[in-house]
Protein backbone atom coordinates (compact mmCIF):
# COMPACT_ATOMS: atom_id res chain seq x y z
CA UNK A 1 83.03 268.02 87.75
CA UNK A 2 80.60 270.80 88.61
CA UNK A 3 76.84 270.99 88.17
CA UNK A 4 76.10 271.34 84.46
CA UNK A 5 74.84 274.61 83.03
CA UNK A 6 71.87 272.81 81.46
CA UNK A 7 70.80 271.45 84.86
CA UNK A 8 71.17 274.86 86.51
CA UNK A 9 68.84 276.35 83.89
CA UNK A 10 65.95 274.04 84.83
CA UNK A 11 66.28 273.72 88.62
CA UNK A 12 63.73 275.55 90.76
CA UNK A 13 63.11 275.84 94.47
CA UNK A 14 60.78 272.99 95.47
CA UNK A 15 59.04 275.24 98.00
CA UNK A 16 58.22 278.42 96.05
CA UNK A 17 59.04 277.36 92.44
CA UNK A 18 61.53 280.21 91.85
CA UNK A 19 64.64 279.46 89.75
CA UNK A 20 67.73 278.92 91.88
CA UNK A 21 71.19 280.39 91.33
CA UNK A 22 74.62 279.08 92.20
CA UNK A 23 76.07 280.63 95.37
CA UNK A 24 79.35 282.57 95.05
CA UNK A 25 81.29 279.74 96.73
CA UNK A 26 79.71 277.14 94.35
CA UNK A 27 78.63 275.01 97.32
CA UNK A 28 74.90 275.58 97.04
CA UNK A 29 71.93 276.80 95.06
CA UNK A 30 70.05 279.81 96.41
CA UNK A 31 66.44 280.79 95.92
CA UNK A 32 66.05 284.56 95.70
CA UNK A 33 62.43 284.47 96.92
CA UNK A 34 62.56 282.38 100.11
CA UNK A 35 66.38 282.70 100.54
CA UNK A 36 66.85 278.96 101.05
CA UNK A 37 70.23 277.57 100.06
CA UNK A 38 70.20 273.98 98.87
CA UNK A 39 73.52 272.16 99.30
CA UNK A 40 75.54 270.58 96.52
CA UNK A 41 77.13 267.30 97.60
CA UNK A 42 79.49 265.39 95.30
CA UNK A 43 78.36 267.63 92.42
CA UNK A 44 74.71 266.68 93.02
CA UNK A 45 72.19 269.36 94.08
CA UNK A 46 70.18 268.24 97.11
CA UNK A 47 66.84 269.90 96.43
CA UNK A 48 65.10 268.90 99.66
CA UNK A 49 63.49 271.60 101.80
CA UNK A 50 64.59 269.80 104.98
CA UNK A 51 68.23 269.90 103.83
CA UNK A 52 68.20 273.62 102.94
CA UNK A 53 69.33 276.42 105.20
CA UNK A 54 67.90 279.94 105.18
CA UNK A 55 70.47 282.56 104.22
CA UNK A 56 70.28 285.87 106.09
CA UNK A 57 71.52 287.90 103.10
């Protein structure tokens, strides 16, 4: 089971408060402002700044 569409519509980056989008590989949620990618583990988004990686793209 994937992350629900309803949940994706309300999730924001905890650092800069920008809405996040699903990455192309469906393994994370990316903030377009600060470029942090928050992992999805066992279909649960981990929205912790310390767990995020910064994407170069």
